[in-house]
Structure formats: structure tokens, C-alpha cells
Amino acid sequence: MAGNSLGARLYRQIKRHPALIPMISFIGLGMGSAALYLLRLALRSPDVCWDRKNNPEPWNRLSPTDQYKFLAVSTDYKKLKKDRPDF
């Protein structure tokens, strides 16, 4: 039973087939990147409301110059004017 853990099996496969090393590393990198992006969405996105008592509508606190998208290709957020009413 001691040698049948997932890590031991993975180590044996890598030892037998060294060509698996790049594939396993890229899969691990992809999984880590996806996990970090989901964490960023959960913590930084104005669509997610963690504190409904003190801040029930977090999207109303954003100014037009706040960049909340991950990548803004053609929009310069510093030049935008406020075009919505205050509530």
C-alpha cells in the first residue's frame, strides 16, 4: 500500500517515460493559471458581492476611470467621463 499513492505512481511513470515531463508541467501550469484567474475574478470583479450588508451594490462604487477588465485592448480608462447618474 505504501508505494501505490498517486505521487509514487506519477514518479514511476516519469522515470519510465521522461517525455511526459513537459506535458505534466504544462498541465500543471495551466491548472495553476486557471485557479489564479478564478481567484482574481472572485476577489476583484465588481459583479461579485461578498459583503451584502455594508456594500450591497459594489458596481455603483466604480468610477469610469477604474479598469476592472483583465485586458483592455483599445479603451483608455483614464480619458472616460462619467455618463451615468448618481443613486
N, C-alpha and C. Protein backbone atom coordinates (compact mmCIF):
# COMPACT_ATOMS: atom_id res chain seq x y z
N MET A 1 0.81 -1.20 0.00
CA MET A 1 0.00 0.00 0.00
C MET A 1 0.85 1.26 0.00
N ALA A 2 2.03 1.20 0.53
CA ALA A 2 2.83 2.41 0.68
C ALA A 2 3.29 2.95 -0.67
N GLY A 3 3.55 2.08 -1.63
CA GLY A 3 4.04 2.53 -2.93
C GLY A 3 2.95 2.79 -3.94
N ASN A 4 1.68 2.72 -3.56
CA ASN A 4 0.58 2.89 -4.50
C ASN A 4 -0.07 4.26 -4.44
N SER A 5 0.55 5.21 -3.81
CA SER A 5 -0.04 6.54 -3.77
C SER A 5 0.09 7.20 -5.14
N LEU A 6 -0.65 8.26 -5.31
CA LEU A 6 -0.66 8.94 -6.60
C LEU A 6 0.72 9.51 -6.94
N GLY A 7 1.38 10.07 -5.98
CA GLY A 7 2.70 10.63 -6.22
C GLY A 7 3.72 9.57 -6.61
N ALA A 8 3.64 8.40 -5.96
CA ALA A 8 4.57 7.32 -6.29
C ALA A 8 4.32 6.79 -7.69
N ARG A 9 3.04 6.66 -8.06
CA ARG A 9 2.74 6.19 -9.41
C ARG A 9 3.19 7.19 -10.46
N LEU A 10 2.99 8.48 -10.18
CA LEU A 10 3.42 9.52 -11.12
C LEU A 10 4.94 9.52 -11.26
N TYR A 11 5.63 9.34 -10.15
CA TYR A 11 7.09 9.30 -10.19
C TYR A 11 7.59 8.12 -11.01
N ARG A 12 6.94 6.96 -10.85
CA ARG A 12 7.34 5.78 -11.64
C ARG A 12 7.09 6.01 -13.13
N GLN A 13 5.96 6.64 -13.47
CA GLN A 13 5.67 6.90 -14.88
C GLN A 13 6.68 7.88 -15.48
N ILE A 14 7.04 8.88 -14.72
CA ILE A 14 8.02 9.86 -15.22
C ILE A 14 9.39 9.21 -15.36
N LYS A 15 9.72 8.33 -14.44
CA LYS A 15 11.00 7.65 -14.51
C LYS A 15 11.06 6.73 -15.73
N ARG A 16 9.94 6.07 -16.05
CA ARG A 16 9.90 5.19 -17.22
C ARG A 16 9.81 5.97 -18.53
N HIS A 17 9.04 7.05 -18.54
CA HIS A 17 8.80 7.83 -19.76
C HIS A 17 9.16 9.29 -19.51
N PRO A 18 10.40 9.68 -19.71
CA PRO A 18 10.79 11.07 -19.43
C PRO A 18 10.15 12.10 -20.37
N ALA A 19 9.56 11.65 -21.47
CA ALA A 19 8.89 12.58 -22.38
C ALA A 19 7.61 13.14 -21.78
N LEU A 20 7.14 12.56 -20.67
CA LEU A 20 5.94 13.06 -20.00
C LEU A 20 6.20 14.33 -19.19
N ILE A 21 7.44 14.64 -18.92
CA ILE A 21 7.77 15.78 -18.06
C ILE A 21 7.23 17.09 -18.63
N PRO A 22 7.43 17.43 -19.92
CA PRO A 22 6.86 18.69 -20.42
C PRO A 22 5.33 18.72 -20.38
N MET A 23 4.71 17.58 -20.71
CA MET A 23 3.25 17.54 -20.70
C MET A 23 2.70 17.77 -19.29
N ILE A 24 3.28 17.11 -18.31
CA ILE A 24 2.82 17.26 -16.93
C ILE A 24 3.07 18.68 -16.43
N SER A 25 4.20 19.25 -16.81
CA SER A 25 4.50 20.62 -16.35
C SER A 25 3.55 21.63 -16.99
N PHE A 26 3.22 21.48 -18.28
CA PHE A 26 2.30 22.41 -18.91
C PHE A 26 0.87 22.25 -18.39
N ILE A 27 0.47 21.02 -18.09
CA ILE A 27 -0.85 20.81 -17.50
C ILE A 27 -0.90 21.45 -16.12
N GLY A 28 0.16 21.29 -15.34
CA GLY A 28 0.21 21.93 -14.02
C GLY A 28 0.21 23.44 -14.12
N LEU A 29 0.93 23.99 -15.09
CA LEU A 29 0.95 25.44 -15.29
C LEU A 29 -0.44 25.94 -15.70
N GLY A 30 -1.12 25.21 -16.57
CA GLY A 30 -2.47 25.61 -16.98
C GLY A 30 -3.45 25.56 -15.83
N MET A 31 -3.37 24.52 -15.01
CA MET A 31 -4.27 24.40 -13.87
C MET A 31 -4.01 25.51 -12.85
N GLY A 32 -2.74 25.82 -12.63
CA GLY A 32 -2.40 26.90 -11.70
C GLY A 32 -2.86 28.26 -12.21
N SER A 33 -2.70 28.50 -13.51
CA SER A 33 -3.15 29.77 -14.09
C SER A 33 -4.66 29.90 -14.02
N ALA A 34 -5.38 28.82 -14.28
CA ALA A 34 -6.84 28.86 -14.20
C ALA A 34 -7.30 29.13 -12.77
N ALA A 35 -6.64 28.51 -11.81
CA ALA A 35 -7.00 28.73 -10.40
C ALA A 35 -6.74 30.17 -9.98
N LEU A 36 -5.61 30.74 -10.40
CA LEU A 36 -5.31 32.13 -10.07
C LEU A 36 -6.28 33.10 -10.73
N TYR A 37 -6.70 32.82 -11.97
CA TYR A 37 -7.65 33.68 -12.65
C TYR A 37 -9.02 33.63 -11.97
N LEU A 38 -9.46 32.45 -11.55
CA LEU A 38 -10.72 32.34 -10.83
C LEU A 38 -10.66 33.08 -9.49
N LEU A 39 -9.52 33.01 -8.83
CA LEU A 39 -9.34 33.75 -7.58
C LEU A 39 -9.39 35.25 -7.83
N ARG A 40 -8.77 35.70 -8.93
CA ARG A 40 -8.82 37.12 -9.28
C ARG A 40 -10.26 37.57 -9.58
N LEU A 41 -11.00 36.74 -10.31
CA LEU A 41 -12.39 37.08 -10.60
C LEU A 41 -13.23 37.16 -9.32
N ALA A 42 -12.98 36.26 -8.40
CA ALA A 42 -13.76 36.24 -7.17
C ALA A 42 -13.45 37.42 -6.27
N LEU A 43 -12.22 37.92 -6.31
CA LEU A 43 -11.83 38.98 -5.39
C LEU A 43 -11.89 40.38 -5.99
N ARG A 44 -11.67 40.52 -7.29
CA ARG A 44 -11.54 41.84 -7.89
C ARG A 44 -12.71 42.26 -8.77
N SER A 45 -13.58 41.36 -9.13
CA SER A 45 -14.66 41.68 -10.06
C SER A 45 -15.77 42.45 -9.35
N PRO A 46 -16.32 43.49 -9.99
CA PRO A 46 -17.43 44.22 -9.37
C PRO A 46 -18.74 43.44 -9.41
N ASP A 47 -18.79 42.34 -10.14
CA ASP A 47 -20.00 41.53 -10.21
C ASP A 47 -20.19 40.64 -8.99
N VAL A 48 -19.14 40.43 -8.23
CA VAL A 48 -19.20 39.54 -7.06
C VAL A 48 -19.37 40.39 -5.81
N CYS A 49 -20.36 40.04 -5.02
CA CYS A 49 -20.65 40.78 -3.80
C CYS A 49 -20.45 39.86 -2.60
N TRP A 50 -19.38 40.07 -1.84
CA TRP A 50 -19.09 39.24 -0.68
C TRP A 50 -19.74 39.82 0.58
N ASP A 51 -19.90 41.13 0.64
CA ASP A 51 -20.42 41.78 1.84
C ASP A 51 -21.72 42.49 1.46
N ARG A 52 -22.83 41.80 1.56
CA ARG A 52 -24.12 42.38 1.15
C ARG A 52 -24.67 43.36 2.17
N LYS A 53 -24.20 43.28 3.40
CA LYS A 53 -24.74 44.16 4.43
C LYS A 53 -24.17 45.58 4.30
N ASN A 54 -22.86 45.71 4.15
CA ASN A 54 -22.22 47.02 4.09
C ASN A 54 -22.12 47.58 2.67
N ASN A 55 -22.07 46.70 1.68
CA ASN A 55 -21.90 47.15 0.30
C ASN A 55 -22.79 46.30 -0.61
N PRO A 56 -24.10 46.57 -0.65
CA PRO A 56 -24.98 45.68 -1.41
C PRO A 56 -24.82 45.81 -2.93
N GLU A 57 -24.34 46.92 -3.41
CA GLU A 57 -24.17 47.13 -4.85
C GLU A 57 -22.75 47.64 -5.13
N PRO A 58 -21.77 46.75 -5.19
CA PRO A 58 -20.37 47.21 -5.37
C PRO A 58 -20.11 47.83 -6.73
N TRP A 59 -20.94 47.55 -7.73
CA TRP A 59 -20.71 48.10 -9.06
C TRP A 59 -21.01 49.58 -9.12
N ASN A 60 -21.77 50.12 -8.14
CA ASN A 60 -22.06 51.55 -8.13
C ASN A 60 -20.89 52.38 -7.59
N ARG A 61 -19.97 51.75 -6.91
CA ARG A 61 -18.81 52.48 -6.38
C ARG A 61 -17.69 52.66 -7.39
N LEU A 62 -17.82 52.05 -8.56
CA LEU A 62 -16.77 52.17 -9.57
C LEU A 62 -16.87 53.51 -10.28
N SER A 63 -15.75 54.15 -10.42
CA SER A 63 -15.74 55.37 -11.23
C SER A 63 -15.46 54.97 -12.69
N PRO A 64 -15.73 55.84 -13.63
CA PRO A 64 -15.50 55.47 -15.04
C PRO A 64 -14.04 55.22 -15.36
N THR A 65 -13.13 55.70 -14.52
CA THR A 65 -11.71 55.52 -14.80
C THR A 65 -11.15 54.24 -14.20
N ASP A 66 -11.95 53.45 -13.49
CA ASP A 66 -11.48 52.19 -12.92
C ASP A 66 -11.47 51.11 -13.99
N GLN A 67 -10.31 50.46 -14.13
CA GLN A 67 -10.22 49.36 -15.07
C GLN A 67 -10.42 48.07 -14.29
N TYR A 68 -11.52 47.39 -14.56
CA TYR A 68 -11.77 46.14 -13.88
C TYR A 68 -11.68 44.95 -14.82
N LYS A 69 -11.50 45.20 -16.10
CA LYS A 69 -11.29 44.11 -17.04
C LYS A 69 -9.85 43.65 -16.94
N PHE A 70 -9.62 42.38 -17.28
CA PHE A 70 -8.28 41.83 -17.21
C PHE A 70 -7.37 42.45 -18.26
N LEU A 71 -7.91 42.65 -19.47
CA LEU A 71 -7.14 43.21 -20.57
C LEU A 71 -8.02 44.17 -21.35
N ALA A 72 -7.62 45.42 -21.40
CA ALA A 72 -8.36 46.41 -22.17
C ALA A 72 -7.53 46.73 -23.42
N VAL A 73 -8.01 46.32 -24.57
CA VAL A 73 -7.23 46.43 -25.80
C VAL A 73 -7.24 47.85 -26.34
N SER A 74 -8.41 48.44 -26.50
CA SER A 74 -8.47 49.73 -27.17
C SER A 74 -9.08 50.84 -26.31
N THR A 75 -9.39 50.59 -25.06
CA THR A 75 -10.03 51.58 -24.22
C THR A 75 -9.04 52.16 -23.23
N ASP A 76 -8.92 53.49 -23.25
CA ASP A 76 -8.10 54.17 -22.25
C ASP A 76 -9.04 54.66 -21.16
N TYR A 77 -9.03 54.01 -20.03
CA TYR A 77 -9.99 54.30 -18.98
C TYR A 77 -9.74 55.64 -18.29
N LYS A 78 -8.57 56.20 -18.44
CA LYS A 78 -8.27 57.48 -17.78
C LYS A 78 -8.94 58.66 -18.50
N LYS A 79 -9.33 58.49 -19.76
CA LYS A 79 -9.93 59.58 -20.52
C LYS A 79 -11.45 59.56 -20.50
N LEU A 80 -12.06 58.56 -19.87
CA LEU A 80 -13.52 58.45 -19.87
C LEU A 80 -14.15 59.44 -18.91
N LYS A 81 -15.31 59.92 -19.28
CA LYS A 81 -16.07 60.84 -18.45
C LYS A 81 -17.23 60.08 -17.81
N LYS A 82 -17.77 60.63 -16.75
CA LYS A 82 -18.89 60.00 -16.08
C LYS A 82 -20.17 60.29 -16.85
N ASP A 83 -20.86 59.25 -17.30
CA ASP A 83 -22.07 59.44 -18.10
C ASP A 83 -23.28 58.75 -17.49
N ARG A 84 -23.24 58.48 -16.20
CA ARG A 84 -24.35 57.81 -15.55
C ARG A 84 -24.77 58.60 -14.31
N PRO A 85 -26.00 58.48 -13.91
CA PRO A 85 -26.47 59.25 -12.75
C PRO A 85 -26.01 58.64 -11.43
N ASP A 86 -25.97 59.49 -10.41
CA ASP A 86 -25.66 59.02 -9.06
C ASP A 86 -26.95 58.54 -8.40
N PHE A 87 -26.87 57.44 -7.71
CA PHE A 87 -28.02 56.91 -7.00
C PHE A 87 -27.82 57.07 -5.51
